[in-house]
Amino acid sequence: MGVARSIGKVSGTVTILILCACVGVSILGTYLAVFPRVVTILERAVGKYDSIFPEITILNGHASIREKQPHFLDNLGEKDLVLVIDTREGSQEKALNYLKEAKAGAVLTGRTIVTKNQGEVRIISLKEIPDMVLNSENIKAALQEYLPSLTRWATLLVAIYFLFAKPVQIVFFAIIPYLGARTYSIPLTYGEATKIAAVGMVVPVTVEFFYNFMDPGISTSVFIYFLSYVIVLILAVRDLVRESRQVDTSEAGIHPS
């Protein structure tokens, strides 16, 4: 019996255990390799705050800055994005004028944040915003304070995602060995195909786990994952075909040299 056929005969319990192991490895890889990179990106962004934005003080639902106003943030390199800070009295009425010709943008007034995206304008009140001073130092301190809680919640969300995504991937990718077997008239139930897909997931999950430590982009990591998954399942179909031909040869009384 070939490898693929043997895998198709494993018990459901073994299949579930393999699935759980794949989920666990994916969660661990995200926690150890992806989260630290996200934290690094956030810290770099926070470090650049003072070079892009002025210090913003919010007190009793009212925003203010020390710079001359209106203050245009035109150093972001986005020509279609308009960002303005004008917290002077009466600036609320001027906010829409700043965004009139803009495709997208935001205006911080004394009492509100006015945003525009795809022609839709929204006004967000600062009334419920707690008192704070926004600068690199304070934002970095807040990031360090809340990072453990954010990490725990992010890990939980990642776990929930993989618990749903991995079974769906198995059901979907089981189509490859199932249709591959049917193409060559090889008997294979869809249940057996899902077991092959479940065991086959071990390879792409392992590849992704180690590849993530090489600091790839998200799109590259996803591409490598699915590419290796498809290759493994194609090899499984190849194994089924080889086994079927050996059986046919044996039944015909022909012994290959």
Protein backbone atom coordinates (compact mmCIF):
# COMPACT_ATOMS: atom_id res chain seq x y z
CA MET A 1 0.00 0.00 0.00
CA GLY A 2 1.34 3.40 -1.00
CA VAL A 3 1.99 6.28 1.37
CA ALA A 4 -0.99 8.35 0.23
CA ARG A 5 -3.33 5.36 0.45
CA SER A 6 -2.05 4.54 3.94
CA ILE A 7 -2.66 8.12 5.03
CA GLY A 8 -6.20 7.94 3.67
CA LYS A 9 -6.84 4.98 5.98
CA VAL A 10 -5.73 6.64 9.25
CA SER A 11 -8.35 7.08 11.94
CA GLY A 12 -10.35 10.24 12.46
CA THR A 13 -8.74 10.69 15.87
CA VAL A 14 -5.27 10.79 14.34
CA THR A 15 -6.49 13.27 11.71
CA ILE A 16 -7.88 15.59 14.40
CA LEU A 17 -4.66 15.38 16.40
CA ILE A 18 -2.64 16.30 13.32
CA LEU A 19 -4.99 19.21 12.65
CA CYS A 20 -4.60 20.42 16.25
CA ALA A 21 -0.83 20.15 15.96
CA CYS A 22 -0.88 22.25 12.78
CA VAL A 23 -3.04 24.87 14.48
CA GLY A 24 -0.69 24.93 17.47
CA VAL A 25 2.43 25.32 15.33
CA SER A 26 0.83 28.14 13.31
CA ILE A 27 -0.15 29.98 16.50
CA LEU A 28 3.35 29.49 17.95
CA GLY A 29 4.99 30.69 14.74
CA THR A 30 2.84 33.82 14.69
CA TYR A 31 3.60 34.53 18.34
CA LEU A 32 7.35 33.98 18.07
CA ALA A 33 8.08 35.35 14.60
CA VAL A 34 5.29 37.66 13.43
CA PHE A 35 4.33 39.49 16.63
CA PRO A 36 7.90 40.70 17.37
CA ARG A 37 8.11 42.21 13.87
CA VAL A 38 4.79 43.98 14.37
CA VAL A 39 6.02 45.39 17.67
CA THR A 40 9.22 46.60 15.98
CA ILE A 41 7.21 48.33 13.26
CA LEU A 42 5.00 50.01 15.87
CA GLU A 43 8.00 51.19 17.87
CA ARG A 44 9.62 52.65 14.75
CA ALA A 45 6.38 54.42 13.84
CA VAL A 46 6.05 55.82 17.35
CA GLY A 47 9.66 57.02 17.23
CA LYS A 48 8.88 59.03 14.09
CA TYR A 49 5.78 60.69 15.55
CA ASP A 50 7.55 63.89 16.62
CA SER A 51 9.12 64.35 13.18
CA ILE A 52 5.70 64.18 11.48
CA PHE A 53 3.09 65.42 13.92
CA PRO A 54 3.11 68.27 16.43
CA GLU A 55 2.51 67.61 20.11
CA ILE A 56 -1.26 67.43 20.57
CA THR A 57 -2.86 68.08 23.94
CA ILE A 58 -6.41 66.92 24.63
CA LEU A 59 -7.92 68.33 27.81
CA ASN A 60 -11.59 68.16 28.77
CA GLY A 61 -12.52 67.13 25.24
CA HIS A 62 -10.65 70.05 23.65
CA ALA A 63 -7.57 69.64 21.44
CA SER A 64 -4.76 72.17 21.10
CA ILE A 65 -1.25 72.50 19.67
CA ARG A 66 1.53 75.06 20.09
CA GLU A 67 2.32 75.49 16.38
CA LYS A 68 0.93 78.16 14.12
CA GLN A 69 -2.48 77.23 12.74
CA PRO A 70 -3.84 75.98 10.44
CA HIS A 71 -1.11 73.34 10.55
CA PHE A 72 -0.89 71.32 7.32
CA LEU A 73 0.75 67.88 7.51
CA ASP A 74 2.21 67.75 4.02
CA ASN A 75 5.33 65.72 4.82
CA LEU A 76 3.72 62.28 4.46
CA GLY A 77 4.35 61.95 0.73
CA GLU A 78 0.66 61.27 -0.02
CA LYS A 79 -0.58 63.86 -2.51
CA ASP A 80 -4.20 62.70 -2.37
CA LEU A 81 -4.32 62.77 1.44
CA VAL A 82 -5.03 66.02 3.28
CA LEU A 83 -4.32 66.26 7.01
CA VAL A 84 -4.90 69.54 8.82
CA ILE A 85 -4.87 70.63 12.45
CA ASP A 86 -6.84 73.76 13.26
CA THR A 87 -8.00 73.90 16.85
CA ARG A 88 -8.79 77.62 16.94
CA GLU A 89 -12.23 78.86 17.85
CA GLY A 90 -14.59 78.63 14.90
CA SER A 91 -12.40 76.07 13.12
CA GLN A 92 -15.28 73.58 13.02
CA GLU A 93 -16.93 75.59 10.24
CA LYS A 94 -13.69 75.73 8.26
CA ALA A 95 -13.00 71.97 8.44
CA LEU A 96 -15.14 71.08 5.44
CA ASN A 97 -13.43 73.77 3.37
CA TYR A 98 -10.05 72.11 3.98
CA LEU A 99 -11.45 68.80 2.72
CA LYS A 100 -13.53 70.21 -0.12
CA GLU A 101 -11.15 69.25 -2.94
CA ALA A 102 -9.54 66.30 -1.17
CA LYS A 103 -10.17 62.65 -2.06
CA ALA A 104 -9.38 61.64 1.49
CA GLY A 105 -8.27 63.39 4.61
CA ALA A 106 -8.89 64.46 8.17
CA VAL A 107 -9.08 67.69 10.11
CA LEU A 108 -8.51 67.97 13.84
CA THR A 109 -10.53 70.87 15.22
CA GLY A 110 -10.83 72.03 18.79
CA ARG A 111 -13.75 69.71 19.55
CA THR A 112 -13.92 67.16 16.74
CA ILE A 113 -12.11 65.09 14.15
CA VAL A 114 -13.61 65.51 10.69
CA THR A 115 -12.73 62.76 8.20
CA LYS A 116 -13.42 62.28 4.52
CA ASN A 117 -13.08 59.01 2.62
CA GLN A 118 -14.55 58.19 -0.79
CA GLY A 119 -16.75 61.26 -0.58
CA GLU A 120 -18.20 60.32 2.83
CA VAL A 121 -17.69 62.83 5.62
CA ARG A 122 -17.80 61.82 9.28
CA ILE A 123 -17.53 63.95 12.40
CA ILE A 124 -16.13 62.37 15.57
CA SER A 125 -16.49 64.22 18.85
CA LEU A 126 -13.57 64.50 21.26
CA LYS A 127 -15.93 64.72 24.22
CA GLU A 128 -15.31 61.12 25.34
CA ILE A 129 -11.56 61.15 24.65
CA PRO A 130 -9.55 61.00 27.91
CA ASP A 131 -7.08 63.75 28.73
CA MET A 132 -3.70 63.08 27.11
CA VAL A 133 -0.63 64.58 25.51
CA LEU A 134 0.35 62.95 22.23
CA ASN A 135 4.08 62.82 21.53
CA SER A 136 6.62 60.07 20.88
CA GLU A 137 7.59 59.65 24.52
CA ASN A 138 4.04 59.34 25.85
CA ILE A 139 2.86 57.09 23.05
CA LYS A 140 5.86 54.80 23.56
CA ALA A 141 5.11 54.60 27.29
CA ALA A 142 1.46 53.74 26.56
CA LEU A 143 2.54 51.10 24.03
CA GLN A 144 4.82 49.43 26.58
CA GLU A 145 2.07 49.52 29.21
CA TYR A 146 -0.66 48.01 27.06
CA LEU A 147 1.48 45.73 24.90
CA PRO A 148 1.13 42.61 27.13
CA SER A 149 -2.68 42.89 27.08
CA LEU A 150 -2.71 43.59 23.34
CA THR A 151 -0.48 40.58 22.74
CA ARG A 152 -2.78 38.30 24.72
CA TRP A 153 -5.86 39.48 22.84
CA ALA A 154 -4.05 39.25 19.50
CA THR A 155 -2.94 35.69 20.32
CA LEU A 156 -6.53 34.75 21.15
CA LEU A 157 -7.78 36.22 17.88
CA VAL A 158 -5.06 34.41 15.93
CA ALA A 159 -5.97 31.14 17.65
CA ILE A 160 -9.65 31.57 16.77
CA TYR A 161 -8.70 32.38 13.19
CA PHE A 162 -6.54 29.28 12.74
CA LEU A 163 -9.14 27.05 14.43
CA PHE A 164 -11.55 28.04 11.68
CA ALA A 165 -9.13 28.55 8.78
CA LYS A 166 -7.19 25.26 8.98
CA PRO A 167 -10.24 22.94 8.78
CA VAL A 168 -11.60 25.02 5.90
CA GLN A 169 -8.26 24.71 4.10
CA ILE A 170 -8.30 20.94 4.58
CA VAL A 171 -11.82 20.62 3.18
CA PHE A 172 -10.95 22.86 0.24
CA PHE A 173 -7.56 21.38 -0.64
CA ALA A 174 -8.92 17.84 -0.34
CA ILE A 175 -10.40 18.56 -3.77
CA ILE A 176 -6.93 18.13 -5.28
CA PRO A 177 -6.36 14.46 -4.34
CA TYR A 178 -10.07 13.66 -4.76
CA LEU A 179 -10.34 15.01 -8.31
CA GLY A 180 -6.83 13.77 -9.13
CA ALA A 181 -7.86 10.24 -8.17
CA ARG A 182 -11.09 10.47 -10.16
CA THR A 183 -9.16 11.67 -13.21
CA TYR A 184 -7.19 8.41 -13.20
CA SER A 185 -10.21 6.30 -12.15
CA ILE A 186 -8.65 5.55 -8.78
CA PRO A 187 -11.13 4.77 -5.98
CA LEU A 188 -10.79 7.43 -3.27
CA THR A 189 -13.56 8.78 -1.06
CA TYR A 190 -13.71 12.45 -0.15
CA GLY A 191 -13.21 11.46 3.50
CA GLU A 192 -9.93 9.78 2.58
CA ALA A 193 -8.97 12.85 0.55
CA THR A 194 -9.52 15.10 3.59
CA LYS A 195 -7.23 12.86 5.66
CA ILE A 196 -4.55 13.17 2.98
CA ALA A 197 -5.03 16.95 2.99
CA ALA A 198 -4.81 17.05 6.79
CA VAL A 199 -1.56 15.11 6.94
CA GLY A 200 -0.26 17.00 3.92
CA MET A 201 -0.77 20.27 5.82
CA VAL A 202 2.14 19.33 8.10
CA VAL A 203 4.64 20.24 5.38
CA PRO A 204 3.42 23.78 4.53
CA VAL A 205 2.85 24.58 8.21
CA THR A 206 6.43 23.51 9.02
CA VAL A 207 7.83 25.42 6.04
CA GLU A 208 5.89 28.53 7.02
CA PHE A 209 7.00 28.24 10.65
CA PHE A 210 10.70 28.40 9.79
CA TYR A 211 10.27 30.73 6.83
CA ASN A 212 8.60 33.36 9.03
CA PHE A 213 11.81 33.73 11.02
CA MET A 214 13.52 34.90 7.83
CA ASP A 215 11.45 38.11 7.98
CA PRO A 216 9.52 37.68 4.70
CA GLY A 217 6.61 39.84 3.67
CA ILE A 218 3.14 38.57 4.53
CA SER A 219 2.23 38.02 0.89
CA THR A 220 5.42 36.02 0.28
CA SER A 221 4.81 33.85 3.34
CA VAL A 222 1.23 33.13 2.28
CA PHE A 223 2.37 32.31 -1.26
CA ILE A 224 5.04 29.88 -0.03
CA TYR A 225 2.53 28.23 2.30
CA PHE A 226 -0.09 27.53 -0.34
CA LEU A 227 2.45 26.65 -3.02
CA SER A 228 4.07 24.01 -0.82
CA TYR A 229 0.61 22.71 0.15
CA VAL A 230 -0.40 22.25 -3.50
CA ILE A 231 2.90 20.56 -4.33
CA VAL A 232 2.50 18.08 -1.46
CA LEU A 233 -1.01 17.14 -2.58
CA ILE A 234 0.06 16.76 -6.21
CA LEU A 235 2.79 14.39 -5.02
CA ALA A 236 0.10 12.49 -3.10
CA VAL A 237 -1.91 12.10 -6.32
CA ARG A 238 1.24 10.91 -8.06
CA ASP A 239 1.74 8.30 -5.34
CA LEU A 240 -1.85 7.09 -5.76
CA VAL A 241 -1.38 6.77 -9.51
CA ARG A 242 1.90 4.89 -9.10
CA GLU A 243 0.32 2.49 -6.62
CA SER A 244 -2.69 1.92 -8.90
CA ARG A 245 -0.45 1.09 -11.86
CA GLN A 246 1.61 -1.33 -9.77
CA VAL A 247 -1.58 -3.09 -8.68
CA ASP A 248 -2.84 -3.31 -12.27
CA THR A 249 0.52 -4.69 -13.39
CA SER A 250 0.53 -7.27 -10.59
CA GLU A 251 -3.03 -8.41 -11.35
CA ALA A 252 -2.15 -8.81 -15.02
CA GLY A 253 0.73 -11.11 -14.05
CA ILE A 254 3.34 -8.74 -15.38
CA HIS A 255 6.41 -8.16 -13.28
CA PRO A 256 8.15 -4.89 -14.07
CA SER A 257 11.89 -5.19 -14.67
